[in-house]
Amino acid sequence: MGFGEAIRTGLSKYATFSGRARRSEYWFWVLFGTLIGLGAFLIDRAGAAGWGEAIGDLIGLILLLPTLAVSVRRLHDIDRTGWWLLINFIPLLGIIVLLVWYCTRGTIGLNRYGPDPLDETFSLC
């Protein structure tokens, strides 16, 4: 999955928490969010239209739900429930555990959250 396809998937599955997301879909979405956030930060710092930090806050709110959704789908790919996102509340340890899981290859074949997104036999395209 390329960058453009990952962004289209992230936007088309804006609030879809079911199913699975491959690593490339997750990491390209993170890259997209980082680039958009950086652009919003630069616009805010430039003081565009006297809005203060409103653009960055607005972008953050717009991207919050799809970021949570792709994160949950990524956890589903390694056969973990989305509730594991709450491990973020454990300082440092939570972020490290999630980072390792986000980098881990998903379950090969079918798991309780659906078919393997890397398996071409299940592809709808």
N, C-alpha and C. Protein backbone atom coordinates (compact mmCIF):
# COMPACT_ATOMS: atom_id res chain seq x y z
N MET A 1 0.85 -1.17 0.00
CA MET A 1 0.00 0.00 0.00
C MET A 1 0.89 1.23 0.00
N GLY A 2 0.63 2.11 -0.95
CA GLY A 2 1.41 3.34 -1.06
C GLY A 2 0.83 4.45 -0.21
N PHE A 3 1.52 5.59 -0.22
CA PHE A 3 1.13 6.74 0.59
C PHE A 3 -0.28 7.22 0.23
N GLY A 4 -0.54 7.44 -1.05
CA GLY A 4 -1.84 7.95 -1.48
C GLY A 4 -2.97 7.00 -1.15
N GLU A 5 -2.75 5.71 -1.38
CA GLU A 5 -3.78 4.73 -1.08
C GLU A 5 -4.05 4.66 0.42
N ALA A 6 -3.01 4.78 1.23
CA ALA A 6 -3.18 4.77 2.69
C ALA A 6 -4.00 5.96 3.15
N ILE A 7 -3.77 7.12 2.55
CA ILE A 7 -4.53 8.32 2.93
C ILE A 7 -5.98 8.17 2.50
N ARG A 8 -6.20 7.68 1.28
CA ARG A 8 -7.57 7.45 0.82
C ARG A 8 -8.29 6.46 1.72
N THR A 9 -7.60 5.40 2.12
CA THR A 9 -8.20 4.41 3.00
C THR A 9 -8.50 5.03 4.36
N GLY A 10 -7.57 5.80 4.90
CA GLY A 10 -7.79 6.44 6.19
C GLY A 10 -8.97 7.39 6.18
N LEU A 11 -9.13 8.12 5.08
CA LEU A 11 -10.25 9.06 4.97
C LEU A 11 -11.56 8.35 4.66
N SER A 12 -11.51 7.29 3.87
CA SER A 12 -12.75 6.58 3.54
C SER A 12 -13.24 5.74 4.73
N LYS A 13 -12.32 5.34 5.59
CA LYS A 13 -12.69 4.60 6.81
C LYS A 13 -12.53 5.54 8.01
N TYR A 14 -13.04 6.74 7.87
CA TYR A 14 -12.84 7.83 8.83
C TYR A 14 -13.09 7.39 10.28
N ALA A 15 -14.19 6.71 10.52
CA ALA A 15 -14.53 6.28 11.87
C ALA A 15 -14.84 4.80 11.91
N THR A 16 -14.16 4.01 11.08
CA THR A 16 -14.36 2.57 11.04
C THR A 16 -13.35 1.90 11.94
N PHE A 17 -13.84 1.35 13.03
CA PHE A 17 -12.97 0.71 14.01
C PHE A 17 -12.91 -0.80 13.82
N SER A 18 -13.69 -1.34 12.91
CA SER A 18 -13.67 -2.78 12.67
C SER A 18 -12.72 -3.10 11.52
N GLY A 19 -12.26 -4.33 11.50
CA GLY A 19 -11.35 -4.74 10.45
C GLY A 19 -9.90 -4.62 10.87
N ARG A 20 -9.03 -4.73 9.88
CA ARG A 20 -7.59 -4.75 10.14
C ARG A 20 -6.88 -3.74 9.25
N ALA A 21 -5.76 -3.22 9.74
CA ALA A 21 -4.94 -2.29 8.96
C ALA A 21 -3.51 -2.81 8.94
N ARG A 22 -2.96 -2.90 7.75
CA ARG A 22 -1.56 -3.35 7.63
C ARG A 22 -0.63 -2.27 8.12
N ARG A 23 0.63 -2.64 8.31
CA ARG A 23 1.62 -1.69 8.83
C ARG A 23 1.76 -0.46 7.94
N SER A 24 1.81 -0.67 6.62
CA SER A 24 2.00 0.47 5.73
C SER A 24 0.85 1.46 5.83
N GLU A 25 -0.37 0.95 5.97
CA GLU A 25 -1.52 1.85 6.12
C GLU A 25 -1.36 2.69 7.37
N TYR A 26 -0.99 2.08 8.46
CA TYR A 26 -0.83 2.81 9.72
C TYR A 26 0.30 3.84 9.64
N TRP A 27 1.48 3.42 9.19
CA TRP A 27 2.64 4.31 9.21
C TRP A 27 2.52 5.43 8.19
N PHE A 28 1.90 5.16 7.04
CA PHE A 28 1.68 6.26 6.09
C PHE A 28 0.66 7.25 6.65
N TRP A 29 -0.33 6.76 7.38
CA TRP A 29 -1.29 7.67 8.01
C TRP A 29 -0.59 8.53 9.06
N VAL A 30 0.31 7.92 9.84
CA VAL A 30 1.08 8.68 10.84
C VAL A 30 1.92 9.75 10.14
N LEU A 31 2.56 9.39 9.03
CA LEU A 31 3.34 10.36 8.27
C LEU A 31 2.46 11.50 7.77
N PHE A 32 1.30 11.17 7.22
CA PHE A 32 0.35 12.17 6.75
C PHE A 32 -0.06 13.12 7.88
N GLY A 33 -0.44 12.55 9.02
CA GLY A 33 -0.84 13.37 10.17
C GLY A 33 0.29 14.26 10.65
N THR A 34 1.50 13.75 10.64
CA THR A 34 2.66 14.53 11.06
C THR A 34 2.91 15.69 10.10
N LEU A 35 2.85 15.43 8.81
CA LEU A 35 3.06 16.49 7.82
C LEU A 35 1.97 17.55 7.89
N ILE A 36 0.72 17.13 8.02
CA ILE A 36 -0.40 18.08 8.13
C ILE A 36 -0.26 18.88 9.43
N GLY A 37 0.09 18.20 10.51
CA GLY A 37 0.28 18.88 11.79
C GLY A 37 1.42 19.89 11.74
N LEU A 38 2.50 19.52 11.07
CA LEU A 38 3.63 20.44 10.92
C LEU A 38 3.22 21.67 10.11
N GLY A 39 2.48 21.44 9.04
CA GLY A 39 1.98 22.57 8.24
C GLY A 39 1.08 23.48 9.05
N ALA A 40 0.19 22.89 9.84
CA ALA A 40 -0.70 23.69 10.68
C ALA A 40 0.09 24.47 11.73
N PHE A 41 1.11 23.84 12.27
CA PHE A 41 1.96 24.52 13.26
C PHE A 41 2.65 25.73 12.63
N LEU A 42 3.18 25.55 11.43
CA LEU A 42 3.84 26.66 10.75
C LEU A 42 2.88 27.79 10.43
N ILE A 43 1.66 27.44 10.02
CA ILE A 43 0.65 28.46 9.74
C ILE A 43 0.28 29.19 11.03
N ASP A 44 0.12 28.43 12.11
CA ASP A 44 -0.19 29.06 13.41
C ASP A 44 0.91 30.00 13.86
N ARG A 45 2.16 29.59 13.70
CA ARG A 45 3.29 30.41 14.11
C ARG A 45 3.41 31.66 13.26
N ALA A 46 2.99 31.56 12.01
CA ALA A 46 3.05 32.73 11.13
C ALA A 46 1.92 33.71 11.46
N GLY A 47 0.98 33.28 12.29
CA GLY A 47 -0.11 34.15 12.70
C GLY A 47 -1.11 34.40 11.60
N ALA A 48 -1.37 33.38 10.81
CA ALA A 48 -2.29 33.52 9.68
C ALA A 48 -3.67 33.99 10.14
N ALA A 49 -4.09 35.09 9.59
CA ALA A 49 -5.44 35.64 9.79
C ALA A 49 -5.75 35.92 11.26
N GLY A 50 -4.75 36.01 12.11
CA GLY A 50 -4.98 36.35 13.51
C GLY A 50 -5.77 35.30 14.27
N TRP A 51 -5.72 34.06 13.83
CA TRP A 51 -6.49 32.99 14.46
C TRP A 51 -5.77 32.35 15.63
N GLY A 52 -4.55 32.79 15.90
CA GLY A 52 -3.78 32.18 16.99
C GLY A 52 -3.42 30.75 16.65
N GLU A 53 -3.76 29.83 17.52
CA GLU A 53 -3.46 28.41 17.29
C GLU A 53 -4.70 27.63 16.87
N ALA A 54 -5.68 28.30 16.35
CA ALA A 54 -6.94 27.65 15.99
C ALA A 54 -6.79 26.65 14.86
N ILE A 55 -5.92 26.91 13.90
CA ILE A 55 -5.78 25.99 12.77
C ILE A 55 -5.20 24.66 13.23
N GLY A 56 -4.17 24.70 14.05
CA GLY A 56 -3.59 23.46 14.57
C GLY A 56 -4.58 22.67 15.41
N ASP A 57 -5.35 23.38 16.23
CA ASP A 57 -6.37 22.71 17.04
C ASP A 57 -7.45 22.09 16.17
N LEU A 58 -7.87 22.80 15.15
CA LEU A 58 -8.89 22.30 14.24
C LEU A 58 -8.39 21.06 13.49
N ILE A 59 -7.18 21.10 12.99
CA ILE A 59 -6.60 19.95 12.30
C ILE A 59 -6.50 18.76 13.25
N GLY A 60 -6.09 19.02 14.48
CA GLY A 60 -6.00 17.96 15.48
C GLY A 60 -7.34 17.30 15.73
N LEU A 61 -8.39 18.10 15.83
CA LEU A 61 -9.73 17.54 16.03
C LEU A 61 -10.21 16.75 14.81
N ILE A 62 -9.92 17.26 13.62
CA ILE A 62 -10.34 16.57 12.40
C ILE A 62 -9.64 15.23 12.27
N LEU A 63 -8.36 15.16 12.62
CA LEU A 63 -7.59 13.92 12.44
C LEU A 63 -7.67 12.97 13.63
N LEU A 64 -8.27 13.40 14.73
CA LEU A 64 -8.33 12.56 15.93
C LEU A 64 -9.06 11.25 15.68
N LEU A 65 -10.26 11.31 15.16
CA LEU A 65 -11.07 10.11 14.98
C LEU A 65 -10.46 9.12 13.97
N PRO A 66 -10.02 9.56 12.79
CA PRO A 66 -9.41 8.59 11.89
C PRO A 66 -8.09 8.03 12.41
N THR A 67 -7.36 8.80 13.21
CA THR A 67 -6.12 8.29 13.79
C THR A 67 -6.42 7.21 14.82
N LEU A 68 -7.43 7.44 15.65
CA LEU A 68 -7.84 6.41 16.60
C LEU A 68 -8.32 5.16 15.86
N ALA A 69 -9.08 5.36 14.78
CA ALA A 69 -9.62 4.23 14.03
C ALA A 69 -8.51 3.39 13.40
N VAL A 70 -7.54 4.02 12.75
CA VAL A 70 -6.46 3.26 12.12
C VAL A 70 -5.58 2.61 13.19
N SER A 71 -5.45 3.22 14.34
CA SER A 71 -4.67 2.61 15.43
C SER A 71 -5.37 1.36 15.95
N VAL A 72 -6.68 1.43 16.11
CA VAL A 72 -7.44 0.25 16.56
C VAL A 72 -7.37 -0.85 15.51
N ARG A 73 -7.53 -0.49 14.23
CA ARG A 73 -7.45 -1.51 13.18
C ARG A 73 -6.06 -2.13 13.12
N ARG A 74 -5.01 -1.33 13.41
CA ARG A 74 -3.64 -1.87 13.44
C ARG A 74 -3.49 -2.88 14.56
N LEU A 75 -4.06 -2.57 15.73
CA LEU A 75 -4.03 -3.52 16.85
C LEU A 75 -4.82 -4.78 16.50
N HIS A 76 -5.93 -4.62 15.78
CA HIS A 76 -6.70 -5.78 15.35
C HIS A 76 -5.87 -6.68 14.45
N ASP A 77 -4.99 -6.10 13.66
CA ASP A 77 -4.16 -6.89 12.75
C ASP A 77 -3.23 -7.82 13.50
N ILE A 78 -2.83 -7.45 14.71
CA ILE A 78 -1.99 -8.34 15.51
C ILE A 78 -2.84 -9.09 16.54
N ASP A 79 -4.14 -9.14 16.30
CA ASP A 79 -5.12 -9.88 17.12
C ASP A 79 -5.21 -9.37 18.55
N ARG A 80 -5.18 -8.05 18.70
CA ARG A 80 -5.37 -7.42 20.00
C ARG A 80 -6.57 -6.47 19.91
N THR A 81 -7.25 -6.33 21.01
CA THR A 81 -8.40 -5.44 21.06
C THR A 81 -7.95 -3.98 21.05
N GLY A 82 -8.81 -3.11 20.56
CA GLY A 82 -8.50 -1.69 20.52
C GLY A 82 -8.37 -1.06 21.90
N TRP A 83 -8.89 -1.72 22.92
CA TRP A 83 -8.78 -1.19 24.28
C TRP A 83 -7.33 -1.10 24.74
N TRP A 84 -6.42 -1.80 24.05
CA TRP A 84 -5.01 -1.71 24.39
C TRP A 84 -4.46 -0.29 24.18
N LEU A 85 -5.17 0.55 23.46
CA LEU A 85 -4.73 1.94 23.30
C LEU A 85 -4.64 2.66 24.65
N LEU A 86 -5.40 2.18 25.61
CA LEU A 86 -5.38 2.80 26.94
C LEU A 86 -4.06 2.60 27.66
N ILE A 87 -3.22 1.71 27.15
CA ILE A 87 -1.89 1.50 27.74
C ILE A 87 -1.04 2.76 27.61
N ASN A 88 -1.45 3.67 26.73
CA ASN A 88 -0.77 4.96 26.58
C ASN A 88 -0.74 5.75 27.89
N PHE A 89 -1.66 5.46 28.78
CA PHE A 89 -1.71 6.21 30.04
C PHE A 89 -0.62 5.78 31.02
N ILE A 90 0.10 4.69 30.71
CA ILE A 90 1.25 4.31 31.52
C ILE A 90 2.46 5.03 30.92
N PRO A 91 3.04 5.96 31.66
CA PRO A 91 4.14 6.77 31.10
C PRO A 91 5.28 5.90 30.56
N LEU A 92 5.77 6.25 29.43
CA LEU A 92 6.88 5.65 28.71
C LEU A 92 6.65 4.18 28.32
N LEU A 93 6.31 3.33 29.28
CA LEU A 93 6.11 1.91 28.99
C LEU A 93 5.00 1.70 27.97
N GLY A 94 3.90 2.42 28.12
CA GLY A 94 2.78 2.27 27.20
C GLY A 94 3.14 2.63 25.77
N ILE A 95 3.87 3.70 25.60
CA ILE A 95 4.27 4.14 24.26
C ILE A 95 5.23 3.13 23.64
N ILE A 96 6.14 2.59 24.44
CA ILE A 96 7.10 1.61 23.92
C ILE A 96 6.38 0.34 23.48
N VAL A 97 5.47 -0.15 24.31
CA VAL A 97 4.73 -1.37 23.98
C VAL A 97 3.93 -1.18 22.69
N LEU A 98 3.22 -0.06 22.59
CA LEU A 98 2.44 0.19 21.37
C LEU A 98 3.33 0.33 20.15
N LEU A 99 4.46 0.99 20.29
CA LEU A 99 5.38 1.15 19.17
C LEU A 99 5.86 -0.21 18.67
N VAL A 100 6.19 -1.10 19.58
CA VAL A 100 6.61 -2.46 19.19
C VAL A 100 5.47 -3.17 18.48
N TRP A 101 4.27 -3.07 19.02
CA TRP A 101 3.12 -3.73 18.40
C TRP A 101 2.81 -3.15 17.02
N TYR A 102 2.92 -1.84 16.87
CA TYR A 102 2.65 -1.22 15.58
C TYR A 102 3.66 -1.66 14.52
N CYS A 103 4.85 -2.05 14.95
CA CYS A 103 5.89 -2.50 14.02
C CYS A 103 5.84 -4.01 13.76
N THR A 104 5.04 -4.73 14.51
CA THR A 104 4.96 -6.18 14.40
C THR A 104 4.10 -6.59 13.22
N ARG A 105 4.53 -7.64 12.53
CA ARG A 105 3.75 -8.22 11.42
C ARG A 105 2.42 -8.70 11.97
N GLY A 106 1.35 -8.47 11.22
CA GLY A 106 0.03 -8.89 11.64
C GLY A 106 -0.13 -10.40 11.61
N THR A 107 -1.20 -10.86 12.20
CA THR A 107 -1.52 -12.28 12.20
C THR A 107 -1.67 -12.77 10.77
N ILE A 108 -1.01 -13.85 10.45
CA ILE A 108 -1.11 -14.43 9.11
C ILE A 108 -2.44 -15.16 9.00
N GLY A 109 -3.17 -14.87 7.96
CA GLY A 109 -4.47 -15.50 7.76
C GLY A 109 -5.57 -14.82 8.55
N LEU A 110 -6.66 -15.52 8.66
CA LEU A 110 -7.85 -15.01 9.32
C LEU A 110 -7.64 -14.93 10.83
N ASN A 111 -8.07 -13.85 11.45
CA ASN A 111 -8.15 -13.79 12.91
C ASN A 111 -9.55 -13.31 13.28
N ARG A 112 -9.82 -13.08 14.55
CA ARG A 112 -11.18 -12.74 14.97
C ARG A 112 -11.66 -11.39 14.45
N TYR A 113 -10.76 -10.59 13.87
CA TYR A 113 -11.13 -9.27 13.36
C TYR A 113 -11.26 -9.23 11.85
N GLY A 114 -11.02 -10.35 11.20
CA GLY A 114 -11.19 -10.39 9.75
C GLY A 114 -10.03 -11.05 9.04
N PRO A 115 -10.07 -11.01 7.71
CA PRO A 115 -9.01 -11.63 6.92
C PRO A 115 -7.73 -10.81 6.94
N ASP A 116 -6.65 -11.48 6.60
CA ASP A 116 -5.33 -10.85 6.53
C ASP A 116 -5.33 -9.83 5.39
N PRO A 117 -5.05 -8.54 5.68
CA PRO A 117 -5.07 -7.55 4.59
C PRO A 117 -3.93 -7.75 3.59
N LEU A 118 -2.93 -8.53 3.94
CA LEU A 118 -1.84 -8.81 3.00
C LEU A 118 -2.13 -10.02 2.11
N ASP A 119 -3.17 -10.77 2.44
CA ASP A 119 -3.53 -11.96 1.67
C ASP A 119 -4.36 -11.53 0.45
N GLU A 120 -3.83 -11.72 -0.72
CA GLU A 120 -4.47 -11.25 -1.96
C GLU A 120 -5.75 -12.03 -2.27
N THR A 121 -5.94 -13.23 -1.74
CA THR A 121 -7.14 -14.00 -2.04
C THR A 121 -8.38 -13.38 -1.42
N PHE A 122 -8.20 -12.57 -0.36
CA PHE A 122 -9.33 -11.91 0.29
C PHE A 122 -9.54 -10.50 -0.24
N SER A 123 -8.69 -10.05 -1.13
CA SER A 123 -8.76 -8.68 -1.64
C SER A 123 -10.04 -8.46 -2.42
N LEU A 124 -10.67 -7.31 -2.20
CA LEU A 124 -11.91 -6.98 -2.89
C LEU A 124 -11.64 -6.24 -4.19
N CYS A 125 -10.40 -5.83 -4.44
CA CYS A 125 -10.06 -5.06 -5.63
C CYS A 125 -9.89 -5.95 -6.83
